[in-house]
Amino acid sequence: MFSQQQPLRPQTIQQSLKTRLSRWHWLVLLVSVLLIAGVLGLTTSNDAKATRSERAFWSGALPDATSAANKMILPLHLPPPTGHLLSTNFQDAALSEQDWQTVIVGRGDNLSSMFVRLGLGAQEVQDILDLGPPAATLTHLRPGQQIKVKIDDRQELQDLIYEVDEKSLHIHRAEDKLQATDVKHTIETRISYASGVINSSLFEAAQESGLTDNMTLEMAAIFRWDIDFAQNLRAGDSFTVLYEEYYLAGEKMRDGPILAAEFTNRGKTYRALRFQQGNDEALYYTPQGLSLRKAFLISPVKFTRISSGFNLNRYHPVLHRIRAHKGVDYAAPYGTPITAASNGKVEFRGTKGGYGNTVVLQHAGNYSTLYAHMSGFAKGIKQGGSVKQGQIIGYLGQSGLATGPHLHYEFRVNGVHKDPLKAKLPKAEPILAQYKSDFIQRSTKLTAQMDLLKSNKLALKAR
């Protein structure tokens, strides 16, 4: 017979319902996962995004497509497509992210040696040189300069940038060929000012004023026809310089020329103003329009002291008797360069008795100069040849009758010896008449600028 079915107790019913709901719950989750996987499988875009209901995220229920207000967007960072789906845009983007390499030119370096260090081949050097004039600057590299390059994964040059002063050379690879572009930068010119008082040395005072050593030498060269910077500087001497500075993108590149300068030596003030006559070389003139470049230099050598002056009754240290000394002896280290005091023609070059190695120059206006006791002659100095003022003609020594290294220098007018330190020298050339009005206008402006700057400095000191 049949057994009587026992009624289910409440605990059993609750457990059965829980089991059935649990199974439906897992089924719903499985269906959700399959649907999401299907959607992702059809997606090929790199920018694909997943959308899921905030309610689904917390409850595990199926997303409600109508409840947009409860949605949040989460980015999916999918890997890039591979194989033939790789676009040229992606290649360009990858290339643009490569790092630039900066190579500094060393002593003895050239483009080939630098490319070897970068792992580039000789063919790429040749390809660059074949680009012609724009790339010619790469054949004149100087130590300390920089070259920036981009090299791809195949170790092939893609870009090169070489900046020199106001120019920039850019070499770029396009369609597997190198192309060169020469770009000129805009250079900003600024006017700068420096002044100082000499206490111990010219260079120390110049450095304190902000002048570089090169600018100090340039200032000395401007006044070298009037001031003996080796012997005649005194404490209390002063200078003022107005000069140009060149800037690129706000950074100083280098100093420009001196526009105006003033130097007070032993109480006497000299002024120099830069001016260019037509297409000629820019020179320095006095405020009256006379050239500072005199016909003769004060001294043809940088010396430490005058060991013997012009003296017709001098006792000769080697011959031990009275013998006229018809020149000036400049003591200086052995091998110091000797320069021509003025433009002229080489009348004599060779050995001349007690003078030793000697050069005699003939100048315009019946002037001549003699340079004796040389250790040797400069290259290119030949009898009958021409020389320019300031050109090196030989080197200081003690050949002939000399007790130590020095230059014996003689100055003659119409064959008659004159004291080089006291002789009346030819006057400086004035500015040509057609440029005089332009010069006066420019010199007035520069002089006013210097005077204003000096007065402002004095006013600041007085505060």
Protein backbone atom coordinates (compact mmCIF):
# COMPACT_ATOMS: atom_id res chain seq x y z
CA MET A 1 0.00 0.00 0.00
CA PHE A 2 1.06 3.44 -0.34
CA SER A 3 2.86 5.21 2.40
CA GLN A 4 1.36 8.45 3.47
CA GLN A 5 3.45 11.48 2.30
CA GLN A 6 4.71 13.52 5.13
CA PRO A 7 3.95 17.26 4.96
CA LEU A 8 6.99 19.48 4.34
CA ARG A 9 8.15 21.43 7.23
CA PRO A 10 8.76 25.24 6.87
CA GLN A 11 12.55 24.84 7.20
CA THR A 12 12.59 22.32 4.34
CA ILE A 13 10.51 24.58 2.07
CA GLN A 14 12.78 27.54 2.73
CA GLN A 15 15.90 25.49 1.98
CA SER A 16 14.40 24.19 -1.30
CA LEU A 17 13.48 27.68 -2.47
CA LYS A 18 16.95 28.94 -1.63
CA THR A 19 18.49 26.12 -3.68
CA ARG A 20 16.31 26.90 -6.71
CA LEU A 21 17.02 30.67 -6.50
CA SER A 22 20.73 29.96 -6.22
CA ARG A 23 20.63 27.92 -9.43
CA TRP A 24 18.78 30.74 -11.28
CA HIS A 25 21.27 33.23 -9.93
CA TRP A 26 24.23 31.34 -11.35
CA LEU A 27 22.41 30.84 -14.64
CA VAL A 28 21.81 34.59 -14.96
CA LEU A 29 25.46 35.30 -14.25
CA LEU A 30 26.58 32.77 -16.88
CA VAL A 31 24.33 34.32 -19.52
CA SER A 32 25.69 37.80 -18.65
CA VAL A 33 29.27 36.69 -19.06
CA LEU A 34 28.50 35.06 -22.42
CA LEU A 35 26.77 38.22 -23.68
CA ILE A 36 29.69 40.48 -22.63
CA ALA A 37 32.22 38.11 -24.21
CA GLY A 38 30.27 38.20 -27.45
CA VAL A 39 30.25 41.97 -27.53
CA LEU A 40 34.01 42.15 -26.87
CA GLY A 41 34.70 39.62 -29.58
CA LEU A 42 33.01 41.84 -32.17
CA THR A 43 34.92 44.96 -31.05
CA THR A 44 38.14 45.90 -32.98
CA SER A 45 38.60 49.57 -32.06
CA ASN A 46 41.42 50.65 -29.72
CA ASP A 47 39.02 53.04 -28.05
CA ALA A 48 36.39 50.41 -27.12
CA LYS A 49 34.63 50.99 -23.78
CA ALA A 50 32.49 48.74 -21.59
CA THR A 51 29.08 49.91 -20.34
CA ARG A 52 27.51 48.27 -17.36
CA SER A 53 24.67 49.19 -15.07
CA GLU A 54 25.60 50.37 -11.61
CA ARG A 55 22.80 48.18 -10.31
CA ALA A 56 24.22 45.15 -12.15
CA PHE A 57 27.65 45.83 -10.74
CA TRP A 58 26.35 45.45 -7.20
CA SER A 59 23.51 42.87 -7.59
CA GLY A 60 24.69 40.59 -10.40
CA ALA A 61 21.37 41.10 -12.28
CA LEU A 62 21.18 41.59 -16.06
CA PRO A 63 21.89 45.15 -17.21
CA ASP A 64 18.83 47.32 -17.70
CA ALA A 65 19.24 49.01 -21.09
CA THR A 66 16.62 51.62 -20.23
CA SER A 67 18.21 52.90 -17.02
CA ALA A 68 20.84 55.19 -18.59
CA ALA A 69 20.89 57.40 -15.51
CA ASN A 70 22.45 54.61 -13.50
CA LYS A 71 25.26 53.82 -15.99
CA MET A 72 28.99 54.50 -15.56
CA ILE A 73 31.57 54.29 -18.37
CA LEU A 74 34.80 52.36 -17.74
CA PRO A 75 37.66 52.49 -20.33
CA LEU A 76 38.99 49.25 -21.70
CA HIS A 77 42.76 49.44 -22.39
CA LEU A 78 42.96 46.92 -25.21
CA PRO A 79 46.35 46.06 -26.76
CA PRO A 80 46.99 47.52 -30.25
CA PRO A 81 46.03 45.36 -33.25
CA THR A 82 48.84 43.29 -34.70
CA GLY A 83 49.97 42.27 -38.18
CA HIS A 84 48.50 44.03 -41.20
CA LEU A 85 46.15 46.09 -39.02
CA LEU A 86 49.10 48.28 -37.80
CA SER A 87 48.44 51.75 -39.26
CA THR A 88 51.05 54.22 -40.55
CA ASN A 89 49.74 56.74 -38.02
CA PHE A 90 50.73 54.41 -35.22
CA GLN A 91 54.21 54.04 -36.76
CA ASP A 92 54.63 57.83 -36.92
CA ALA A 93 53.47 58.19 -33.31
CA ALA A 94 55.95 55.56 -32.15
CA LEU A 95 58.77 57.32 -34.01
CA SER A 96 57.92 60.75 -32.57
CA GLU A 97 58.25 59.33 -29.05
CA GLN A 98 61.86 58.29 -29.58
CA ASP A 99 64.37 60.20 -27.48
CA TRP A 100 66.79 62.70 -28.99
CA GLN A 101 70.46 61.95 -28.45
CA THR A 102 72.90 64.84 -27.95
CA VAL A 103 76.50 64.35 -29.07
CA ILE A 104 79.23 66.83 -28.10
CA VAL A 105 82.02 67.43 -30.60
CA GLY A 106 85.40 66.48 -29.12
CA ARG A 107 88.92 67.43 -30.10
CA GLY A 108 89.79 65.83 -33.43
CA ASP A 109 86.17 64.79 -34.03
CA ASN A 110 84.44 64.82 -37.40
CA LEU A 111 81.04 63.63 -38.58
CA SER A 112 82.35 60.14 -39.38
CA SER A 113 83.90 59.52 -35.95
CA MET A 114 80.75 60.78 -34.21
CA PHE A 115 78.52 58.54 -36.34
CA VAL A 116 80.68 55.54 -35.45
CA ARG A 117 80.02 56.21 -31.76
CA LEU A 118 76.31 56.36 -32.53
CA GLY A 119 76.41 53.06 -34.40
CA LEU A 120 75.64 54.68 -37.77
CA GLY A 121 77.31 53.63 -41.01
CA ALA A 122 79.62 55.44 -43.41
CA GLN A 123 76.92 55.50 -46.07
CA GLU A 124 74.77 57.83 -43.97
CA VAL A 125 77.70 60.23 -43.64
CA GLN A 126 78.05 60.23 -47.42
CA ASP A 127 74.28 60.70 -47.87
CA ILE A 128 74.47 63.82 -45.69
CA LEU A 129 77.49 65.25 -47.54
CA ASP A 130 75.66 64.63 -50.84
CA LEU A 131 72.96 67.07 -49.70
CA GLY A 132 75.25 69.90 -50.82
CA PRO A 133 75.74 73.45 -49.42
CA PRO A 134 73.17 73.30 -46.58
CA ALA A 135 75.05 70.38 -44.99
CA ALA A 136 78.52 71.82 -45.65
CA THR A 137 78.64 73.31 -42.14
CA LEU A 138 78.97 69.75 -40.76
CA THR A 139 82.45 69.56 -42.31
CA HIS A 140 83.70 72.38 -40.05
CA LEU A 141 82.86 71.11 -36.57
CA ARG A 142 84.52 72.70 -33.55
CA PRO A 143 85.11 71.14 -30.10
CA GLY A 144 82.28 71.84 -27.69
CA GLN A 145 79.55 72.13 -30.31
CA GLN A 146 76.47 69.90 -30.08
CA ILE A 147 74.58 67.77 -32.58
CA LYS A 148 71.15 66.28 -31.83
CA VAL A 149 70.06 63.09 -33.59
CA LYS A 150 67.10 60.70 -33.72
CA ILE A 151 67.80 57.06 -34.61
CA ASP A 152 65.07 54.46 -35.17
CA ASP A 153 64.97 50.81 -34.10
CA ARG A 154 66.67 49.75 -37.33
CA GLN A 155 69.65 51.94 -36.36
CA GLU A 156 68.86 54.37 -39.17
CA LEU A 157 69.19 58.14 -38.89
CA GLN A 158 65.81 59.89 -38.97
CA ASP A 159 66.61 63.44 -37.83
CA LEU A 160 69.66 65.62 -37.17
CA ILE A 161 69.77 69.16 -35.80
CA TYR A 162 72.93 71.26 -35.76
CA GLU A 163 72.73 74.84 -34.48
CA VAL A 164 75.52 77.33 -35.10
CA ASP A 165 75.04 80.95 -34.02
CA GLU A 166 72.04 82.32 -35.87
CA LYS A 167 71.60 79.31 -38.17
CA SER A 168 70.06 75.89 -37.62
CA LEU A 169 70.56 72.91 -39.94
CA HIS A 170 67.76 70.30 -39.85
CA ILE A 171 68.22 67.01 -41.72
CA HIS A 172 65.10 64.83 -41.88
CA ARG A 173 64.36 61.47 -43.51
CA ALA A 174 61.24 61.45 -45.70
CA GLU A 175 60.29 58.62 -48.07
CA ASP A 176 63.57 56.91 -47.20
CA LYS A 177 65.62 59.91 -48.37
CA LEU A 178 67.46 62.54 -46.33
CA GLN A 179 66.49 66.18 -46.87
CA ALA A 180 68.25 69.28 -45.51
CA THR A 181 66.68 72.55 -44.36
CA ASP A 182 68.72 75.60 -43.38
CA VAL A 183 66.88 77.93 -40.99
CA LYS A 184 68.01 81.40 -39.94
CA HIS A 185 67.09 82.48 -36.42
CA THR A 186 66.21 86.01 -35.37
CA ILE A 187 69.07 87.47 -33.34
CA GLU A 188 68.32 90.14 -30.75
CA THR A 189 70.92 92.89 -30.32
CA ARG A 190 71.25 94.55 -26.93
CA ILE A 191 73.48 97.44 -25.90
CA SER A 192 75.51 96.82 -22.76
CA TYR A 193 77.73 99.05 -20.65
CA ALA A 194 80.76 98.51 -18.40
CA SER A 195 83.09 100.82 -16.52
CA GLY A 196 85.82 100.39 -13.97
CA VAL A 197 88.79 101.88 -12.14
CA ILE A 198 92.19 100.20 -12.15
CA ASN A 199 93.61 99.44 -8.73
CA SER A 200 96.02 96.58 -9.37
CA SER A 201 95.61 95.41 -12.99
CA LEU A 202 93.55 96.15 -16.08
CA PHE A 203 92.21 92.60 -16.35
CA GLU A 204 91.13 92.49 -12.71
CA ALA A 205 89.26 95.79 -13.04
CA ALA A 206 87.70 94.66 -16.34
CA GLN A 207 86.49 91.37 -14.85
CA GLU A 208 84.91 93.20 -11.92
CA SER A 209 83.06 95.44 -14.39
CA GLY A 210 81.69 92.41 -16.26
CA LEU A 211 83.96 92.50 -19.32
CA THR A 212 85.34 89.23 -20.69
CA ASP A 213 89.08 88.87 -21.34
CA ASN A 214 88.44 89.05 -25.10
CA MET A 215 86.56 92.33 -24.72
CA THR A 216 89.39 93.68 -22.55
CA LEU A 217 91.94 92.80 -25.23
CA GLU A 218 89.73 94.46 -27.85
CA MET A 219 89.54 97.63 -25.78
CA ALA A 220 93.34 97.66 -25.39
CA ALA A 221 93.76 97.12 -29.15
CA ILE A 222 91.56 100.16 -29.88
CA PHE A 223 93.75 102.49 -27.79
CA ARG A 224 97.12 100.84 -28.43
CA TRP A 225 98.28 103.71 -30.68
CA ASP A 226 97.91 106.21 -27.82
CA ILE A 227 98.37 104.19 -24.61
CA ASP A 228 101.21 101.88 -23.65
CA PHE A 229 99.27 99.20 -21.75
CA ALA A 230 102.45 97.34 -20.78
CA GLN A 231 104.27 100.21 -19.09
CA ASN A 232 102.16 103.30 -18.60
CA LEU A 233 99.03 102.16 -16.70
CA ARG A 234 98.64 103.62 -13.23
CA ALA A 235 96.33 103.05 -10.27
CA GLY A 236 93.33 105.33 -10.69
CA ASP A 237 93.19 104.99 -14.48
CA SER A 238 89.60 104.31 -15.60
CA PHE A 239 87.61 103.06 -18.59
CA THR A 240 84.08 103.04 -19.95
CA VAL A 241 82.84 100.72 -22.71
CA LEU A 242 79.59 100.65 -24.67
CA TYR A 243 79.20 97.41 -26.64
CA GLU A 244 76.71 95.07 -28.31
CA GLU A 245 75.53 91.68 -27.06
CA TYR A 246 73.75 89.11 -29.22
CA TYR A 247 70.87 87.00 -27.84
CA LEU A 248 68.97 84.03 -29.26
CA ALA A 249 65.65 83.03 -27.64
CA GLY A 250 66.53 85.08 -24.56
CA GLU A 251 69.97 83.48 -24.05
CA LYS A 252 73.21 85.33 -24.68
CA MET A 253 75.19 83.93 -27.60
CA ARG A 254 78.25 86.18 -27.67
CA ASP A 255 79.57 89.71 -27.37
CA GLY A 256 79.38 92.03 -30.34
CA PRO A 257 81.74 94.88 -31.24
CA ILE A 258 82.61 97.82 -29.02
CA LEU A 259 80.54 100.81 -30.19
CA ALA A 260 82.22 103.47 -28.06
CA ALA A 261 84.97 103.49 -25.44
CA GLU A 262 86.73 105.92 -23.16
CA PHE A 263 90.04 105.43 -21.35
CA THR A 264 91.64 107.83 -18.89
CA ASN A 265 95.39 107.26 -18.52
CA ARG A 266 97.51 109.45 -16.23
CA GLY A 267 94.81 112.13 -16.24
CA LYS A 268 94.44 112.27 -20.03
CA THR A 269 91.18 110.96 -21.52
CA TYR A 270 90.96 109.24 -24.90
CA ARG A 271 87.68 108.46 -26.67
CA ALA A 272 86.95 106.03 -29.50
CA LEU A 273 83.80 105.76 -31.64
CA ARG A 274 83.15 102.93 -34.10
CA PHE A 275 82.20 104.00 -37.63
CA GLN A 276 82.10 102.41 -41.07
CA GLN A 277 82.80 104.45 -44.18
CA GLY A 278 80.72 102.95 -46.98
CA ASN A 279 81.73 99.33 -47.57
CA ASP A 280 85.13 99.70 -45.87
CA GLU A 281 86.11 98.00 -42.64
CA ALA A 282 84.62 99.58 -39.52
CA LEU A 283 87.31 101.54 -37.65
CA TYR A 284 87.57 103.68 -34.51
CA TYR A 285 87.79 107.45 -34.58
CA THR A 286 88.14 110.33 -32.17
CA PRO A 287 85.05 112.54 -31.61
CA GLN A 288 86.68 114.95 -34.08
CA GLY A 289 86.69 112.30 -36.80
CA LEU A 290 90.41 111.36 -36.74
CA SER A 291 91.33 107.69 -36.98
CA LEU A 292 92.79 106.13 -33.84
CA ARG A 293 94.76 103.81 -36.08
CA LYS A 294 97.98 105.78 -36.38
CA ALA A 295 100.57 105.19 -39.08
CA PHE A 296 102.90 103.55 -36.50
CA LEU A 297 102.40 101.43 -33.39
CA ILE A 298 103.86 102.75 -30.14
CA SER A 299 105.61 99.42 -29.60
CA PRO A 300 106.10 96.51 -32.04
CA VAL A 301 106.26 93.91 -29.22
CA LYS A 302 104.52 93.10 -25.94
CA PHE A 303 107.33 93.74 -23.51
CA THR A 304 107.94 93.55 -19.77
CA ARG A 305 110.27 96.55 -19.55
CA ILE A 306 112.48 98.89 -21.53
CA SER A 307 115.97 97.60 -20.82
CA SER A 308 117.76 100.39 -22.68
CA GLY A 309 116.52 103.67 -24.19
CA PHE A 310 117.68 105.90 -27.02
CA ASN A 311 121.13 107.22 -25.97
CA LEU A 312 123.87 108.52 -28.25
CA ASN A 313 126.45 108.24 -25.41
CA ARG A 314 125.58 104.78 -24.11
CA TYR A 315 128.26 102.43 -22.71
CA HIS A 316 127.96 99.13 -24.61
CA PRO A 317 127.67 96.15 -22.19
CA VAL A 318 129.44 93.71 -24.55
CA LEU A 319 132.03 95.92 -26.30
CA HIS A 320 132.79 97.79 -23.04
CA ARG A 321 133.08 101.15 -24.72
CA ILE A 322 130.95 104.20 -25.51
CA ARG A 323 128.77 103.40 -28.50
CA ALA A 324 125.62 105.27 -29.51
CA HIS A 325 122.44 103.35 -28.89
CA LYS A 326 120.20 104.55 -31.72
CA GLY A 327 117.10 102.66 -30.74
CA VAL A 328 115.07 101.26 -27.86
CA ASP A 329 115.53 97.80 -26.32
CA TYR A 330 112.36 96.00 -25.21
CA ALA A 331 112.98 93.09 -22.81
CA ALA A 332 110.49 90.22 -23.08
CA PRO A 333 110.42 86.39 -22.90
CA TYR A 334 112.31 84.47 -25.55
CA GLY A 335 110.10 83.80 -28.60
CA THR A 336 107.68 86.71 -28.04
CA PRO A 337 106.12 87.68 -31.43
CA ILE A 338 107.41 90.88 -33.06
CA THR A 339 104.98 92.82 -35.28
CA ALA A 340 105.46 95.38 -38.05
CA ALA A 341 105.01 98.91 -36.68
CA SER A 342 103.36 100.03 -39.93
CA ASN A 343 102.52 98.92 -43.44
CA GLY A 344 105.63 98.57 -45.53
CA LYS A 345 108.01 96.61 -47.73
CA VAL A 346 110.70 94.21 -46.49
CA GLU A 347 113.96 95.96 -47.40
CA PHE A 348 116.22 93.48 -45.58
CA ARG A 349 115.84 90.04 -43.99
CA GLY A 350 118.86 88.16 -42.71
CA THR A 351 121.88 88.39 -40.42
CA LYS A 352 123.39 91.85 -39.92
CA GLY A 353 126.61 91.84 -37.87
CA GLY A 354 126.07 92.63 -34.19
CA TYR A 355 122.31 93.02 -34.82
CA GLY A 356 122.04 89.29 -35.40
CA ASN A 357 118.85 88.21 -37.16
CA THR A 358 117.37 91.44 -38.49
CA VAL A 359 114.42 92.77 -40.49
CA VAL A 360 114.35 96.28 -41.98
CA LEU A 361 111.04 97.69 -43.27
CA GLN A 362 110.57 100.64 -45.60
CA HIS A 363 107.38 102.65 -45.05
CA ALA A 364 105.63 105.46 -46.91
CA GLY A 365 106.83 109.01 -46.33
CA ASN A 366 110.56 108.16 -46.10
CA TYR A 367 110.13 106.27 -42.81
CA SER A 368 111.92 103.01 -42.02
CA THR A 369 112.14 100.69 -39.01
CA LEU A 370 114.68 98.06 -37.89
CA TYR A 371 114.07 94.96 -35.73
CA ALA A 372 117.18 93.18 -34.39
CA HIS A 373 118.38 90.25 -32.21
CA MET A 374 115.53 88.01 -33.43
CA SER A 375 115.51 84.31 -32.63
CA GLY A 376 113.90 83.62 -36.01
CA PHE A 377 111.77 85.00 -38.81
CA ALA A 378 108.05 84.54 -39.29
CA LYS A 379 106.83 82.35 -42.14
CA GLY A 380 106.34 84.28 -45.39
CA ILE A 381 108.65 87.18 -44.51
CA LYS A 382 110.88 87.54 -47.57
CA GLN A 383 113.02 90.34 -48.87
CA GLY A 384 110.99 92.45 -51.29
CA GLY A 385 107.65 91.30 -49.87
CA SER A 386 104.95 93.46 -48.29
CA VAL A 387 103.72 93.48 -44.69
CA LYS A 388 100.72 94.94 -42.89
CA GLN A 389 100.75 96.90 -39.65
CA GLY A 390 100.53 94.43 -36.74
CA GLN A 391 101.64 91.44 -38.87
CA ILE A 392 104.11 89.10 -37.14
CA ILE A 393 107.52 89.38 -38.81
CA GLY A 394 109.72 87.46 -36.35
CA TYR A 395 110.33 86.31 -32.78
CA LEU A 396 112.28 87.89 -29.96
CA GLY A 397 115.68 86.41 -29.09
CA GLN A 398 119.30 87.38 -28.39
CA SER A 399 121.16 86.74 -31.63
CA GLY A 400 124.19 88.95 -32.38
CA LEU A 401 125.74 91.07 -29.63
CA ALA A 402 123.08 90.68 -26.92
CA THR A 403 123.39 89.84 -23.24
CA GLY A 404 119.78 88.63 -22.93
CA PRO A 405 116.56 88.18 -24.92
CA HIS A 406 115.22 91.52 -26.14
CA LEU A 407 114.15 93.41 -29.25
CA HIS A 408 116.33 96.26 -30.49
CA TYR A 409 114.00 98.62 -32.35
CA GLU A 410 115.09 101.59 -34.48
CA PHE A 411 113.01 104.33 -36.11
CA ARG A 412 114.41 106.41 -38.99
CA VAL A 413 113.19 109.43 -40.95
CA ASN A 414 115.02 110.04 -44.24
CA GLY A 415 117.76 107.71 -42.96
CA VAL A 416 118.27 109.66 -39.71
CA HIS A 417 117.73 107.82 -36.41
CA LYS A 418 115.01 109.22 -34.14
CA ASP A 419 113.92 108.25 -30.63
CA PRO A 420 110.86 105.99 -31.25
CA LEU A 421 109.31 107.18 -27.97
CA LYS A 422 109.59 110.87 -28.85
CA ALA A 423 109.49 111.03 -32.63
CA LYS A 424 106.73 113.06 -34.25
CA LEU A 425 104.64 110.52 -36.10
CA PRO A 426 102.42 111.11 -39.13
CA LYS A 427 98.90 112.33 -38.35
CA ALA A 428 95.98 109.92 -38.44
CA GLU A 429 93.72 109.82 -41.48
CA PRO A 430 90.45 111.76 -41.03
CA ILE A 431 86.97 110.61 -42.07
CA LEU A 432 86.20 111.32 -45.73
CA ALA A 433 84.13 114.44 -46.37
CA GLN A 434 81.11 112.56 -47.76
CA TYR A 435 80.73 110.60 -44.51
CA LYS A 436 81.45 113.43 -42.08
CA SER A 437 77.82 114.41 -41.39
CA ASP A 438 76.80 110.77 -40.77
CA PHE A 439 79.73 110.36 -38.40
CA ILE A 440 78.90 113.50 -36.41
CA GLN A 441 75.30 112.34 -36.00
CA ARG A 442 76.36 108.87 -34.82
CA SER A 443 79.20 110.07 -32.58
CA THR A 444 76.95 112.63 -30.88
CA LYS A 445 74.44 109.91 -30.03
CA LEU A 446 77.06 107.44 -28.72
CA THR A 447 78.85 110.11 -26.69
CA ALA A 448 75.56 111.19 -25.10
CA GLN A 449 74.79 107.57 -24.18
CA MET A 450 78.18 107.14 -22.49
CA ASP A 451 77.86 110.43 -20.62
CA LEU A 452 74.36 109.50 -19.41
CA LEU A 453 75.46 106.06 -18.21
CA LYS A 454 78.48 107.51 -16.42
CA SER A 455 76.38 110.17 -14.68
CA ASN A 456 73.82 107.56 -13.59
CA LYS A 457 76.61 105.42 -12.13
CA LEU A 458 78.05 108.38 -10.23
CA ALA A 459 74.58 109.22 -8.90
CA LEU A 460 74.14 105.65 -7.65
CA LYS A 461 77.53 105.79 -5.92
CA ALA A 462 76.61 109.04 -4.19
CA ARG A 463 73.50 107.49 -2.59
